[in-house]
Amino acid sequence: MATKKAVESEVSILEVERATMDFHILGTSPLIMNRMSQKVWHELLAPKGKKTAAEKASGLKHNPIQEFQNSPYILPEGPTALAVMATAFKKAMGTAALDMPGAKKAQILRLIYVEGEMVGIYGLPKLFMAITRSADMNRTPDVRTRAILPEWACKLSITFTKPIMRETAIANLLAAAGLQSGVGDWRQEKGSGSYGAFKLVGYDDKDFNRIIKSQGRDEQIEALENPVAYNDETSEMLAWFNIEIEKRDFKIWVSRYEKENHR
């Protein structure tokens, strides 16, 4: 009886290595900060239940100044006070891969890593109020207040796996992410919005260097403590709110930033 001979095959494993590239990012549309507020966190952890009509009438549903100051991530130290999660840029690159031939989102996300947990953002925050729609069946309207940066910039370091990914591919993917995806709230990726878009620039770009030099940590803290309305609609709503606060004698809570810095 004939016996089958074992067929030996050689397994070849591609040698991989890690490489890091540094990028200079310049915003091409305003960036809306979208950190989840502590009020929402607390409500998720320990829901209070529905308020009575009396509680609604005597309470304050929104505090625009507090919501403005709580909307960005705050760094305890460094050249900027404001930050965006590093994963926002990684997700933007993964989303951009969906529209690029030969690239797969899941694979891209495995092969790239944006250095750091937070990316410091340069730019002066302004107070932005807008009408939003809830996700309920009736699409209930509400007013949401966030910090918006009319112009912004940041420095980004991306580590990737070679030779599966190459320098040109990383630069092209990040550039596509800035054009097609963006970061922050109401970003380009969402379809209806066009905020948070960006482009890659050189280290000698005039606008990039101007923002880096004049819109860092000290200027950002000043802008958080003394809010300026982003547009006429926000200015009108904020003025009305301040009048109502005085009429109803509501107490305004101390901001998260002031609490953390004992101001």
Protein backbone atom coordinates (compact mmCIF):
# COMPACT_ATOMS: atom_id res chain seq x y z
CA MET A 1 0.00 0.00 0.00
CA ALA A 2 1.45 3.35 -1.05
CA THR A 3 1.92 5.99 1.63
CA LYS A 4 1.49 9.71 1.11
CA LYS A 5 4.59 11.75 1.64
CA ALA A 6 4.29 14.86 3.76
CA VAL A 7 4.70 17.98 1.73
CA GLU A 8 6.92 20.48 3.45
CA SER A 9 6.29 24.17 2.79
CA GLU A 10 8.38 27.07 3.89
CA VAL A 11 6.61 29.90 5.69
CA SER A 12 8.03 33.29 4.82
CA ILE A 13 7.29 36.10 7.27
CA LEU A 14 7.77 39.65 6.10
CA GLU A 15 10.06 41.63 8.35
CA VAL A 16 8.22 44.68 9.66
CA GLU A 17 9.37 47.80 11.43
CA ARG A 18 7.86 50.95 12.86
CA ALA A 19 8.39 54.47 11.56
CA THR A 20 7.07 57.84 12.71
CA MET A 21 6.19 60.93 10.68
CA ASP A 22 5.49 64.44 12.00
CA PHE A 23 2.85 66.64 10.39
CA HIS A 24 1.76 70.27 10.64
CA ILE A 25 -2.03 70.59 10.48
CA LEU A 26 -3.90 73.78 9.57
CA GLY A 27 -7.68 73.97 9.87
CA THR A 28 -9.56 74.95 6.72
CA SER A 29 -12.96 75.23 8.46
CA PRO A 30 -13.86 76.05 12.09
CA LEU A 31 -13.42 73.31 14.69
CA ILE A 32 -16.30 72.61 17.12
CA MET A 33 -15.12 71.05 20.38
CA ASN A 34 -17.24 68.07 21.45
CA ARG A 35 -16.19 66.75 24.84
CA MET A 36 -19.12 65.13 26.64
CA SER A 37 -20.06 67.30 29.61
CA GLN A 38 -19.83 66.10 33.21
CA LYS A 39 -23.58 66.73 33.54
CA VAL A 40 -24.21 64.05 30.89
CA TRP A 41 -21.69 61.71 32.52
CA HIS A 42 -23.41 62.06 35.90
CA GLU A 43 -26.84 61.50 34.38
CA LEU A 44 -25.62 58.30 32.70
CA LEU A 45 -24.08 57.02 35.94
CA ALA A 46 -26.97 57.95 38.21
CA PRO A 47 -30.12 59.04 36.33
CA LYS A 48 -32.35 61.42 38.29
CA GLY A 49 -35.52 60.54 36.46
CA LYS A 50 -38.03 62.91 34.92
CA LYS A 51 -38.44 66.35 36.46
CA THR A 52 -41.79 67.65 37.59
CA ALA A 53 -43.29 70.80 36.05
CA ALA A 54 -42.34 72.74 39.20
CA GLU A 55 -38.73 71.54 39.04
CA LYS A 56 -38.47 72.50 35.38
CA ALA A 57 -39.85 75.97 36.07
CA SER A 58 -37.53 76.61 39.00
CA GLY A 59 -34.41 75.03 37.54
CA LEU A 60 -31.95 76.00 34.87
CA LYS A 61 -31.96 73.68 31.84
CA HIS A 62 -28.91 75.22 30.18
CA ASN A 63 -25.98 77.27 31.34
CA PRO A 64 -24.33 78.49 28.10
CA ILE A 65 -21.16 79.78 29.76
CA GLN A 66 -20.60 76.56 31.66
CA GLU A 67 -21.38 74.43 28.61
CA PHE A 68 -18.97 76.52 26.55
CA GLN A 69 -16.17 76.08 29.09
CA ASN A 70 -16.84 72.37 29.51
CA SER A 71 -16.96 71.48 25.80
CA PRO A 72 -13.20 71.26 25.12
CA TYR A 73 -10.72 68.83 26.65
CA ILE A 74 -8.40 70.81 28.95
CA LEU A 75 -4.72 69.90 29.28
CA PRO A 76 -3.17 70.44 32.76
CA GLU A 77 0.06 71.73 31.22
CA GLY A 78 1.79 72.32 27.92
CA PRO A 79 1.81 74.95 25.17
CA THR A 80 -1.98 74.70 24.68
CA ALA A 81 -4.91 74.48 27.08
CA LEU A 82 -7.27 72.93 24.51
CA ALA A 83 -6.99 69.45 23.08
CA VAL A 84 -8.69 66.87 20.88
CA MET A 85 -8.43 63.12 21.45
CA ALA A 86 -5.74 61.59 19.25
CA THR A 87 -8.16 58.89 18.17
CA ALA A 88 -10.24 61.55 16.37
CA PHE A 89 -7.49 61.88 13.75
CA LYS A 90 -7.01 58.10 13.57
CA LYS A 91 -10.74 57.56 12.99
CA ALA A 92 -10.72 60.30 10.34
CA MET A 93 -7.98 58.42 8.46
CA GLY A 94 -9.92 55.17 8.76
CA THR A 95 -13.06 56.81 7.37
CA ALA A 96 -11.10 58.36 4.51
CA ALA A 97 -9.81 54.89 3.60
CA LEU A 98 -13.37 53.85 2.71
CA ASP A 99 -13.31 56.18 -0.29
CA MET A 100 -9.79 55.34 -1.46
CA PRO A 101 -9.12 52.42 -3.85
CA GLY A 102 -7.06 49.60 -2.38
CA ALA A 103 -7.41 50.76 1.24
CA LYS A 104 -9.44 48.98 3.90
CA LYS A 105 -10.60 50.81 7.03
CA ALA A 106 -9.98 47.94 9.49
CA GLN A 107 -6.49 47.32 8.11
CA ILE A 108 -5.56 50.99 8.16
CA LEU A 109 -6.65 51.32 11.80
CA ARG A 110 -4.45 48.35 12.73
CA LEU A 111 -1.39 49.72 10.97
CA ILE A 112 -1.36 53.34 12.20
CA TYR A 113 -1.07 54.94 15.61
CA VAL A 114 -1.44 58.63 16.44
CA GLU A 115 1.05 59.41 19.19
CA GLY A 116 -0.30 60.51 22.57
CA GLU A 117 -3.73 60.34 24.15
CA MET A 118 -4.48 64.00 23.41
CA VAL A 119 -3.39 66.35 20.63
CA GLY A 120 -2.88 69.95 21.72
CA ILE A 121 -4.88 72.39 19.58
CA TYR A 122 -3.89 76.02 18.94
CA GLY A 123 -6.67 78.53 18.31
CA LEU A 124 -8.94 80.90 20.24
CA PRO A 125 -12.31 79.45 21.36
CA LYS A 126 -15.50 81.43 20.90
CA LEU A 127 -18.95 80.69 22.29
CA PHE A 128 -21.20 79.02 19.69
CA MET A 129 -24.93 78.38 20.26
CA ALA A 130 -26.95 76.42 17.71
CA ILE A 131 -30.30 74.66 17.43
CA THR A 132 -29.93 70.88 17.38
CA ARG A 133 -32.41 68.02 17.06
CA SER A 134 -32.64 65.18 19.57
CA ALA A 135 -32.55 61.56 18.42
CA ASP A 136 -36.07 60.85 19.68
CA MET A 137 -39.05 60.10 17.45
CA ASN A 138 -40.24 63.71 17.44
CA ARG A 139 -36.76 65.12 16.72
CA THR A 140 -37.23 67.53 19.63
CA PRO A 141 -35.30 70.79 19.13
CA ASP A 142 -32.83 71.99 21.73
CA VAL A 143 -30.09 74.61 22.10
CA ARG A 144 -26.52 73.38 22.37
CA THR A 145 -23.56 75.53 23.35
CA ARG A 146 -19.98 74.58 22.47
CA ALA A 147 -16.60 76.15 21.97
CA ILE A 148 -15.72 76.79 18.34
CA LEU A 149 -12.29 77.70 16.98
CA PRO A 150 -12.66 79.88 13.85
CA GLU A 151 -9.05 79.08 12.95
CA TRP A 152 -6.88 76.35 14.43
CA ALA A 153 -3.67 74.37 14.02
CA CYS A 154 -1.84 71.45 15.62
CA LYS A 155 1.20 69.20 15.36
CA LEU A 156 0.63 65.50 14.79
CA SER A 157 2.93 62.46 15.03
CA ILE A 158 1.83 59.24 13.35
CA THR A 159 3.57 55.90 13.82
CA PHE A 160 2.93 53.21 11.20
CA THR A 161 4.02 49.73 10.18
CA LYS A 162 6.55 49.40 7.36
CA PRO A 163 6.80 48.17 4.65
CA ILE A 164 3.05 47.47 4.56
CA MET A 165 2.47 51.22 4.82
CA ARG A 166 4.80 53.79 3.32
CA GLU A 167 5.42 57.47 3.96
CA THR A 168 3.58 58.62 0.84
CA ALA A 169 0.53 56.53 1.67
CA ILE A 170 0.36 57.94 5.22
CA ALA A 171 0.60 61.54 3.97
CA ASN A 172 -2.04 60.93 1.29
CA LEU A 173 -4.38 59.25 3.76
CA LEU A 174 -4.08 62.08 6.31
CA ALA A 175 -4.62 64.69 3.60
CA ALA A 176 -7.75 62.82 2.45
CA ALA A 177 -8.95 62.63 6.07
CA GLY A 178 -8.70 66.41 6.36
CA LEU A 179 -10.71 66.92 3.19
CA GLN A 180 -13.32 64.15 3.51
CA SER A 181 -13.68 63.44 7.25
CA GLY A 182 -12.48 66.21 9.55
CA VAL A 183 -12.57 66.18 13.37
CA GLY A 184 -14.87 67.56 16.06
CA ASP A 185 -18.63 68.10 16.03
CA TRP A 186 -20.68 68.56 12.85
CA ARG A 187 -17.64 67.53 10.84
CA GLN A 188 -17.41 66.95 7.11
CA GLU A 189 -17.79 63.18 7.58
CA LYS A 190 -21.35 63.63 8.89
CA GLY A 191 -22.60 64.93 5.55
CA SER A 192 -24.76 67.84 6.74
CA GLY A 193 -21.87 69.71 8.35
CA SER A 194 -18.58 70.96 6.98
CA TYR A 195 -16.67 71.82 10.15
CA GLY A 196 -13.34 70.46 11.36
CA ALA A 197 -11.71 70.12 7.92
CA PHE A 198 -7.93 70.54 7.68
CA LYS A 199 -4.93 70.35 5.38
CA LEU A 200 -1.24 69.49 5.64
CA VAL A 201 1.18 72.43 5.54
CA GLY A 202 4.91 72.96 5.78
CA TYR A 203 6.69 74.11 8.95
CA ASP A 204 7.17 77.54 7.36
CA ASP A 205 3.48 78.16 6.54
CA LYS A 206 2.62 81.74 7.55
CA ASP A 207 -0.88 81.07 8.90
CA PHE A 208 0.28 77.99 10.83
CA ASN A 209 3.09 79.88 12.55
CA ARG A 210 0.87 82.89 13.28
CA ILE A 211 -1.67 80.71 15.08
CA ILE A 212 1.04 78.78 16.94
CA LYS A 213 2.67 81.98 18.19
CA SER A 214 -0.42 84.01 19.13
CA GLN A 215 -3.17 81.50 20.06
CA GLY A 216 -1.61 79.22 22.64
CA ARG A 217 -2.29 78.36 26.27
CA ASP A 218 -2.42 81.83 27.87
CA GLU A 219 -4.62 83.27 25.14
CA GLN A 220 -6.94 80.26 25.27
CA ILE A 221 -7.43 80.51 29.04
CA GLU A 222 -8.27 84.18 28.67
CA ALA A 223 -10.79 83.35 25.93
CA LEU A 224 -12.42 80.65 28.09
CA GLU A 225 -12.78 82.99 31.07
CA ASN A 226 -14.12 85.88 28.98
CA PRO A 227 -16.32 84.33 26.27
CA VAL A 228 -16.95 86.12 22.99
CA ALA A 229 -19.94 85.17 20.83
CA TYR A 230 -19.04 83.46 17.56
CA ASN A 231 -21.81 85.02 15.45
CA ASP A 232 -24.79 87.40 15.62
CA GLU A 233 -27.30 84.64 16.37
CA THR A 234 -25.24 83.46 19.35
CA SER A 235 -24.83 87.03 20.56
CA GLU A 236 -28.60 87.60 20.50
CA MET A 237 -29.42 84.34 22.32
CA LEU A 238 -26.72 84.96 24.93
CA ALA A 239 -27.96 88.51 25.59
CA TRP A 240 -31.52 87.24 26.08
CA PHE A 241 -30.29 84.49 28.40
CA ASN A 242 -28.38 86.96 30.59
CA ILE A 243 -31.49 89.15 30.97
CA GLU A 244 -33.60 86.13 31.94
CA ILE A 245 -31.00 85.01 34.50
CA GLU A 246 -31.25 88.36 36.26
CA LYS A 247 -35.06 88.30 36.15
CA ARG A 248 -35.32 84.81 37.61
CA ASP A 249 -32.39 85.18 40.03
CA PHE A 250 -30.73 81.91 38.99
CA LYS A 251 -27.30 81.03 40.35
CA ILE A 252 -24.64 80.27 37.71
CA TRP A 253 -22.43 77.33 38.56
CA VAL A 254 -18.65 77.67 38.65
CA SER A 255 -17.04 76.27 35.50
CA ARG A 256 -15.06 73.03 35.40
CA TYR A 257 -11.93 74.97 34.48
CA GLU A 258 -12.31 77.33 37.44
CA LYS A 259 -12.89 74.40 39.81
CA GLU A 260 -9.85 72.49 38.61
CA ASN A 261 -7.62 75.55 38.86
CA HIS A 262 -9.15 76.90 42.11
CA ARG A 263 -10.04 80.24 40.57
